[in-house]
Every structure is written in structure tokens, then in C-alpha cells.
Amino acid sequence: MRRSFYHYLMTLRGPNRNDPEMNFANQASHDIQFPKQSEDYEEISSYLELSVDYLPTMDLFDRTWEKYIENNQL
């Protein structure tokens, strides 16, 4: 069963504030508008670019997305 990007991102949460992916996951967990059911790169990318200020660079999203795709293959 495929899972959403948000679901994958929530597996990365933790206490290390120096880890960019962990910090991204922690911040997204508090974002009530995040597209939680989406598996669509364009939808999530657009949301992050236009609606949030907690993501320092889109490169971080792209790297995390690649890991999500690798992890989510059937």
C-alpha cells in the first residue's frame, strides 16, 4: 500500500534540531493545511513554495521527496 508524502515525512520526526529533514518533518507536523493525503509532487511542491515559511530551501523538499519515492516503491 502506498502512503502519502506526509505520512512518510512523519516517520522522520525527532528531537534533533540540527537535522534539516527532521526539522522539516517536525514543522510540517504542526501545519494543519499541509496536503496530508497527497502523493503528488506538483501539488506538494506548489503548496510548500506558496504557503509555508518553515522550509529553508526547496532542495530540502526535493531530497526528501527522492527518499520518499525510493521508500514508497512497490
PDB file of N, CA and C in Angstrom:
ATOM      1  N   MET A   1       0.844  -1.191   0.000  1.00  0.00           N
ATOM      2  CA  MET A   1       0.000   0.000   0.000  1.00  0.00           C
ATOM      3  C   MET A   1       0.880   1.241   0.000  1.00  0.00           C
ATOM      4  N   ARG A   2       0.591   2.142  -0.926  1.00  0.00           N
ATOM      5  CA  ARG A   2       1.336   3.392  -0.994  1.00  0.00           C
ATOM      6  C   ARG A   2       0.878   4.318   0.125  1.00  0.00           C
ATOM      7  N   ARG A   3       1.801   5.088   0.617  1.00  0.00           N
ATOM      8  CA  ARG A   3       1.431   6.062   1.645  1.00  0.00           C
ATOM      9  C   ARG A   3       1.709   7.463   1.126  1.00  0.00           C
ATOM     10  N   SER A   4       1.071   8.411   1.728  1.00  0.00           N
ATOM     11  CA  SER A   4       1.247   9.796   1.312  1.00  0.00           C
ATOM     12  C   SER A   4       2.625  10.303   1.716  1.00  0.00           C
ATOM     13  N   PHE A   5       3.033  11.392   1.076  1.00  0.00           N
ATOM     14  CA  PHE A   5       4.308  12.012   1.422  1.00  0.00           C
ATOM     15  C   PHE A   5       4.288  12.454   2.884  1.00  0.00           C
ATOM     16  N   TYR A   6       3.176  13.012   3.310  1.00  0.00           N
ATOM     17  CA  TYR A   6       3.056  13.470   4.698  1.00  0.00           C
ATOM     18  C   TYR A   6       3.270  12.309   5.675  1.00  0.00           C
ATOM     19  N   HIS A   7       2.675  11.182   5.385  1.00  0.00           N
ATOM     20  CA  HIS A   7       2.833  10.013   6.249  1.00  0.00           C
ATOM     21  C   HIS A   7       4.307   9.609   6.327  1.00  0.00           C
ATOM     22  N   TYR A   8       4.977   9.590   5.182  1.00  0.00           N
ATOM     23  CA  TYR A   8       6.414   9.297   5.181  1.00  0.00           C
ATOM     24  C   TYR A   8       7.168  10.350   5.992  1.00  0.00           C
ATOM     25  N   LEU A   9       6.853  11.608   5.765  1.00  0.00           N
ATOM     26  CA  LEU A   9       7.537  12.697   6.460  1.00  0.00           C
ATOM     27  C   LEU A   9       7.403  12.567   7.974  1.00  0.00           C
ATOM     28  N   MET A  10       6.249  12.113   8.433  1.00  0.00           N
ATOM     29  CA  MET A  10       6.041  11.972   9.872  1.00  0.00           C
ATOM     30  C   MET A  10       6.942  10.900  10.486  1.00  0.00           C
ATOM     31  N   THR A  11       7.447   9.975   9.688  1.00  0.00           N
ATOM     32  CA  THR A  11       8.382   8.970  10.206  1.00  0.00           C
ATOM     33  C   THR A  11       9.758   9.571  10.457  1.00  0.00           C
ATOM     34  N   LEU A  12      10.003  10.786   9.974  1.00  0.00           N
ATOM     35  CA  LEU A  12      11.301  11.440  10.120  1.00  0.00           C
ATOM     36  C   LEU A  12      11.370  12.385  11.313  1.00  0.00           C
ATOM     37  N   ARG A  13      10.265  12.550  12.027  1.00  0.00           N
ATOM     38  CA  ARG A  13      10.246  13.475  13.167  1.00  0.00           C
ATOM     39  C   ARG A  13      11.183  13.015  14.275  1.00  0.00           C
ATOM     40  N   GLY A  14      11.663  13.973  15.037  1.00  0.00           N
ATOM     41  CA  GLY A  14      12.525  13.644  16.160  1.00  0.00           C
ATOM     42  C   GLY A  14      13.060  14.892  16.838  1.00  0.00           C
ATOM     43  N   PRO A  15      13.917  14.710  17.829  1.00  0.00           N
ATOM     44  CA  PRO A  15      14.385  15.830  18.651  1.00  0.00           C
ATOM     45  C   PRO A  15      15.589  16.598  18.097  1.00  0.00           C
ATOM     46  N   ASN A  16      16.254  16.105  17.049  1.00  0.00           N
ATOM     47  CA  ASN A  16      17.482  16.736  16.574  1.00  0.00           C
ATOM     48  C   ASN A  16      17.169  17.955  15.705  1.00  0.00           C
ATOM     49  N   ARG A  17      17.307  19.130  16.268  1.00  0.00           N
ATOM     50  CA  ARG A  17      17.007  20.363  15.532  1.00  0.00           C
ATOM     51  C   ARG A  17      18.071  20.684  14.487  1.00  0.00           C
ATOM     52  N   ASN A  18      19.214  20.019  14.539  1.00  0.00           N
ATOM     53  CA  ASN A  18      20.278  20.260  13.570  1.00  0.00           C
ATOM     54  C   ASN A  18      20.122  19.427  12.310  1.00  0.00           C
ATOM     55  N   ASP A  19      19.180  18.500  12.292  1.00  0.00           N
ATOM     56  CA  ASP A  19      18.924  17.669  11.121  1.00  0.00           C
ATOM     57  C   ASP A  19      17.843  18.351  10.288  1.00  0.00           C
ATOM     58  N   PRO A  20      18.177  18.813   9.082  1.00  0.00           N
ATOM     59  CA  PRO A  20      17.197  19.563   8.274  1.00  0.00           C
ATOM     60  C   PRO A  20      15.925  18.774   7.956  1.00  0.00           C
ATOM     61  N   GLU A  21      16.048  17.493   7.619  1.00  0.00           N
ATOM     62  CA  GLU A  21      14.856  16.698   7.316  1.00  0.00           C
ATOM     63  C   GLU A  21      13.988  16.515   8.550  1.00  0.00           C
ATOM     64  N   MET A  22      14.622  16.293   9.682  1.00  0.00           N
ATOM     65  CA  MET A  22      13.875  16.122  10.919  1.00  0.00           C
ATOM     66  C   MET A  22      13.156  17.421  11.277  1.00  0.00           C
ATOM     67  N   ASN A  23      13.823  18.538  11.097  1.00  0.00           N
ATOM     68  CA  ASN A  23      13.211  19.831  11.386  1.00  0.00           C
ATOM     69  C   ASN A  23      12.033  20.092  10.435  1.00  0.00           C
ATOM     70  N   PHE A  24      12.209  19.765   9.150  1.00  0.00           N
ATOM     71  CA  PHE A  24      11.127  19.878   8.169  1.00  0.00           C
ATOM     72  C   PHE A  24       9.928  19.044   8.618  1.00  0.00           C
ATOM     73  N   ALA A  25      10.173  17.813   9.017  1.00  0.00           N
ATOM     74  CA  ALA A  25       9.092  16.918   9.463  1.00  0.00           C
ATOM     75  C   ALA A  25       8.404  17.466  10.707  1.00  0.00           C
ATOM     76  N   ASN A  26       9.185  17.944  11.654  1.00  0.00           N
ATOM     77  CA  ASN A  26       8.606  18.492  12.882  1.00  0.00           C
ATOM     78  C   ASN A  26       7.724  19.700  12.581  1.00  0.00           C
ATOM     79  N   GLN A  27       8.194  20.581  11.707  1.00  0.00           N
ATOM     80  CA  GLN A  27       7.417  21.770  11.361  1.00  0.00           C
ATOM     81  C   GLN A  27       6.146  21.385  10.601  1.00  0.00           C
ATOM     82  N   ALA A  28       6.272  20.455   9.650  1.00  0.00           N
ATOM     83  CA  ALA A  28       5.103  20.026   8.864  1.00  0.00           C
ATOM     84  C   ALA A  28       4.045  19.379   9.755  1.00  0.00           C
ATOM     85  N   SER A  29       4.479  18.723  10.825  1.00  0.00           N
ATOM     86  CA  SER A  29       3.511  18.065  11.713  1.00  0.00           C
ATOM     87  C   SER A  29       2.586  19.068  12.404  1.00  0.00           C
ATOM     88  N   HIS A  30       3.007  20.322  12.470  1.00  0.00           N
ATOM     89  CA  HIS A  30       2.192  21.382  13.092  1.00  0.00           C
ATOM     90  C   HIS A  30       1.399  22.185  12.062  1.00  0.00           C
ATOM     91  N   ASP A  31       1.584  21.867  10.777  1.00  0.00           N
ATOM     92  CA  ASP A  31       0.950  22.606   9.682  1.00  0.00           C
ATOM     93  C   ASP A  31      -0.402  21.970   9.350  1.00  0.00           C
ATOM     94  N   ILE A  32      -1.470  22.590   9.811  1.00  0.00           N
ATOM     95  CA  ILE A  32      -2.801  21.985   9.627  1.00  0.00           C
ATOM     96  C   ILE A  32      -3.285  22.056   8.179  1.00  0.00           C
ATOM     97  N   GLN A  33      -2.657  22.871   7.354  1.00  0.00           N
ATOM     98  CA  GLN A  33      -3.053  22.998   5.953  1.00  0.00           C
ATOM     99  C   GLN A  33      -2.265  22.078   5.019  1.00  0.00           C
ATOM    100  N   PHE A  34      -1.248  21.406   5.521  1.00  0.00           N
ATOM    101  CA  PHE A  34      -0.406  20.554   4.678  1.00  0.00           C
ATOM    102  C   PHE A  34      -1.280  19.529   3.954  1.00  0.00           C
ATOM    103  N   PRO A  35      -1.044  19.299   2.651  1.00  0.00           N
ATOM    104  CA  PRO A  35      -1.846  18.309   1.913  1.00  0.00           C
ATOM    105  C   PRO A  35      -1.505  16.886   2.349  1.00  0.00           C
ATOM    106  N   LYS A  36      -2.116  16.462   3.409  1.00  0.00           N
ATOM    107  CA  LYS A  36      -1.748  15.229   4.104  1.00  0.00           C
ATOM    108  C   LYS A  36      -1.988  13.952   3.309  1.00  0.00           C
ATOM    109  N   GLN A  37      -2.933  13.947   2.400  1.00  0.00           N
ATOM    110  CA  GLN A  37      -3.240  12.725   1.645  1.00  0.00           C
ATOM    111  C   GLN A  37      -2.526  12.655   0.298  1.00  0.00           C
ATOM    112  N   SER A  38      -1.813  13.697  -0.059  1.00  0.00           N
ATOM    113  CA  SER A  38      -1.248  13.787  -1.396  1.00  0.00           C
ATOM    114  C   SER A  38      -0.014  12.909  -1.599  1.00  0.00           C
ATOM    115  N   GLU A  39       0.070  12.359  -2.804  1.00  0.00           N
ATOM    116  CA  GLU A  39       1.249  11.646  -3.283  1.00  0.00           C
ATOM    117  C   GLU A  39       1.791  12.355  -4.522  1.00  0.00           C
ATOM    118  N   ASP A  40       1.302  13.570  -4.781  1.00  0.00           N
ATOM    119  CA  ASP A  40       1.610  14.305  -5.997  1.00  0.00           C
ATOM    120  C   ASP A  40       2.691  15.362  -5.759  1.00  0.00           C
ATOM    121  N   TYR A  41       3.806  15.211  -6.461  1.00  0.00           N
ATOM    122  CA  TYR A  41       4.934  16.123  -6.305  1.00  0.00           C
ATOM    123  C   TYR A  41       4.529  17.569  -6.561  1.00  0.00           C
ATOM    124  N   GLU A  42       3.839  17.812  -7.669  1.00  0.00           N
ATOM    125  CA  GLU A  42       3.476  19.184  -8.042  1.00  0.00           C
ATOM    126  C   GLU A  42       2.572  19.840  -7.006  1.00  0.00           C
ATOM    127  N   GLU A  43       1.609  19.107  -6.510  1.00  0.00           N
ATOM    128  CA  GLU A  43       0.688  19.654  -5.502  1.00  0.00           C
ATOM    129  C   GLU A  43       1.446  20.043  -4.230  1.00  0.00           C
ATOM    130  N   ILE A  44       2.291  19.150  -3.753  1.00  0.00           N
ATOM    131  CA  ILE A  44       3.016  19.414  -2.514  1.00  0.00           C
ATOM    132  C   ILE A  44       4.055  20.511  -2.715  1.00  0.00           C
ATOM    133  N   SER A  45       4.769  20.447  -3.829  1.00  0.00           N
ATOM    134  CA  SER A  45       5.779  21.458  -4.131  1.00  0.00           C
ATOM    135  C   SER A  45       5.159  22.851  -4.205  1.00  0.00           C
ATOM    136  N   SER A  46       4.051  22.969  -4.905  1.00  0.00           N
ATOM    137  CA  SER A  46       3.374  24.269  -5.010  1.00  0.00           C
ATOM    138  C   SER A  46       2.923  24.759  -3.644  1.00  0.00           C
ATOM    139  N   TYR A  47       2.362  23.863  -2.857  1.00  0.00           N
ATOM    140  CA  TYR A  47       1.926  24.246  -1.513  1.00  0.00           C
ATOM    141  C   TYR A  47       3.110  24.791  -0.703  1.00  0.00           C
ATOM    142  N   LEU A  48       4.221  24.075  -0.722  1.00  0.00           N
ATOM    143  CA  LEU A  48       5.382  24.489   0.066  1.00  0.00           C
ATOM    144  C   LEU A  48       5.963  25.814  -0.423  1.00  0.00           C
ATOM    145  N   GLU A  49       6.012  25.987  -1.737  1.00  0.00           N
ATOM    146  CA  GLU A  49       6.558  27.233  -2.292  1.00  0.00           C
ATOM    147  C   GLU A  49       5.690  28.442  -1.973  1.00  0.00           C
ATOM    148  N   LEU A  50       4.390  28.256  -1.985  1.00  0.00           N
ATOM    149  CA  LEU A  50       3.477  29.395  -1.862  1.00  0.00           C
ATOM    150  C   LEU A  50       2.919  29.627  -0.461  1.00  0.00           C
ATOM    151  N   SER A  51       2.984  28.614   0.402  1.00  0.00           N
ATOM    152  CA  SER A  51       2.218  28.727   1.644  1.00  0.00           C
ATOM    153  C   SER A  51       2.994  28.576   2.940  1.00  0.00           C
ATOM    154  N   VAL A  52       4.254  28.208   2.896  1.00  0.00           N
ATOM    155  CA  VAL A  52       4.957  27.989   4.160  1.00  0.00           C
ATOM    156  C   VAL A  52       6.238  28.808   4.244  1.00  0.00           C
ATOM    157  N   ASP A  53       6.651  29.060   5.469  1.00  0.00           N
ATOM    158  CA  ASP A  53       7.916  29.764   5.692  1.00  0.00           C
ATOM    159  C   ASP A  53       8.893  28.934   6.517  1.00  0.00           C
ATOM    160  N   TYR A  54       8.533  27.689   6.804  1.00  0.00           N
ATOM    161  CA  TYR A  54       9.409  26.849   7.624  1.00  0.00           C
ATOM    162  C   TYR A  54      10.376  25.991   6.815  1.00  0.00           C
ATOM    163  N   LEU A  55      10.267  25.994   5.504  1.00  0.00           N
ATOM    164  CA  LEU A  55      11.157  25.207   4.662  1.00  0.00           C
ATOM    165  C   LEU A  55      12.253  26.134   4.145  1.00  0.00           C
ATOM    166  N   PRO A  56      13.505  25.910   4.577  1.00  0.00           N
ATOM    167  CA  PRO A  56      14.572  26.848   4.209  1.00  0.00           C
ATOM    168  C   PRO A  56      14.871  26.885   2.706  1.00  0.00           C
ATOM    169  N   THR A  57      14.815  25.724   2.038  1.00  0.00           N
ATOM    170  CA  THR A  57      15.040  25.662   0.590  1.00  0.00           C
ATOM    171  C   THR A  57      14.193  24.545  -0.004  1.00  0.00           C
ATOM    172  N   MET A  58      13.864  24.696  -1.266  1.00  0.00           N
ATOM    173  CA  MET A  58      13.126  23.636  -1.950  1.00  0.00           C
ATOM    174  C   MET A  58      14.033  22.435  -2.210  1.00  0.00           C
ATOM    175  N   ASP A  59      15.339  22.631  -2.172  1.00  0.00           N
ATOM    176  CA  ASP A  59      16.271  21.497  -2.305  1.00  0.00           C
ATOM    177  C   ASP A  59      16.021  20.465  -1.216  1.00  0.00           C
ATOM    178  N   LEU A  60      15.725  20.937  -0.037  1.00  0.00           N
ATOM    179  CA  LEU A  60      15.431  20.031   1.070  1.00  0.00           C
ATOM    180  C   LEU A  60      14.193  19.192   0.754  1.00  0.00           C
ATOM    181  N   PHE A  61      13.172  19.828   0.237  1.00  0.00           N
ATOM    182  CA  PHE A  61      11.983  19.080  -0.165  1.00  0.00           C
ATOM    183  C   PHE A  61      12.333  18.073  -1.251  1.00  0.00           C
ATOM    184  N   ASP A  62      13.095  18.492  -2.258  1.00  0.00           N
ATOM    185  CA  ASP A  62      13.453  17.593  -3.362  1.00  0.00           C
ATOM    186  C   ASP A  62      14.225  16.372  -2.870  1.00  0.00           C
ATOM    187  N   ARG A  63      15.174  16.581  -1.981  1.00  0.00           N
ATOM    188  CA  ARG A  63      15.945  15.445  -1.422  1.00  0.00           C
ATOM    189  C   ARG A  63      15.036  14.516  -0.623  1.00  0.00           C
ATOM    190  N   THR A  64      14.153  15.093   0.166  1.00  0.00           N
ATOM    191  CA  THR A  64      13.234  14.286   0.969  1.00  0.00           C
ATOM    192  C   THR A  64      12.254  13.554   0.061  1.00  0.00           C
ATOM    193  N   TRP A  65      11.810  14.207  -1.006  1.00  0.00           N
ATOM    194  CA  TRP A  65      10.895  13.575  -1.960  1.00  0.00           C
ATOM    195  C   TRP A  65      11.567  12.351  -2.604  1.00  0.00           C
ATOM    196  N   GLU A  66      12.836  12.479  -2.989  1.00  0.00           N
ATOM    197  CA  GLU A  66      13.544  11.349  -3.604  1.00  0.00           C
ATOM    198  C   GLU A  66      13.605  10.153  -2.647  1.00  0.00           C
ATOM    199  N   LYS A  67      13.861  10.423  -1.392  1.00  0.00           N
ATOM    200  CA  LYS A  67      13.883   9.340  -0.391  1.00  0.00           C
ATOM    201  C   LYS A  67      12.491   8.734  -0.228  1.00  0.00           C
ATOM    202  N   TYR A  68      11.472   9.586  -0.283  1.00  0.00           N
ATOM    203  CA  TYR A  68      10.084   9.105  -0.208  1.00  0.00           C
ATOM    204  C   TYR A  68       9.788   8.159  -1.372  1.00  0.00           C
ATOM    205  N   ILE A  69      10.175   8.552  -2.578  1.00  0.00           N
ATOM    206  CA  ILE A  69       9.929   7.724  -3.756  1.00  0.00           C
ATOM    207  C   ILE A  69      10.652   6.386  -3.622  1.00  0.00           C
ATOM    208  N   GLU A  70      11.915   6.413  -3.211  1.00  0.00           N
ATOM    209  CA  GLU A  70      12.671   5.166  -3.016  1.00  0.00           C
ATOM    210  C   GLU A  70      12.010   4.284  -1.960  1.00  0.00           C
ATOM    211  N   ASN A  71      11.552   4.881  -0.895  1.00  0.00           N
ATOM    212  CA  ASN A  71      10.951   4.155   0.213  1.00  0.00           C
ATOM    213  C   ASN A  71       9.552   3.644  -0.119  1.00  0.00           C
ATOM    214  N   ASN A  72       8.878   4.306  -1.045  1.00  0.00           N
ATOM    215  CA  ASN A  72       7.474   4.018  -1.317  1.00  0.00           C
ATOM    216  C   ASN A  72       7.267   3.146  -2.558  1.00  0.00           C
ATOM    217  N   GLN A  73       8.336   2.654  -3.140  1.00  0.00           N
ATOM    218  CA  GLN A  73       8.188   1.796  -4.322  1.00  0.00           C
ATOM    219  C   GLN A  73       7.565   0.471  -3.916  1.00  0.00           C
ATOM    220  N   LEU A  74       6.754  -0.022  -4.804  1.00  0.00           N
ATOM    221  CA  LEU A  74       6.071  -1.308  -4.540  1.00  0.00           C
ATOM    222  C   LEU A  74       6.961  -2.467  -4.856  1.00  0.00           C
TER     223      LEU A  74
END
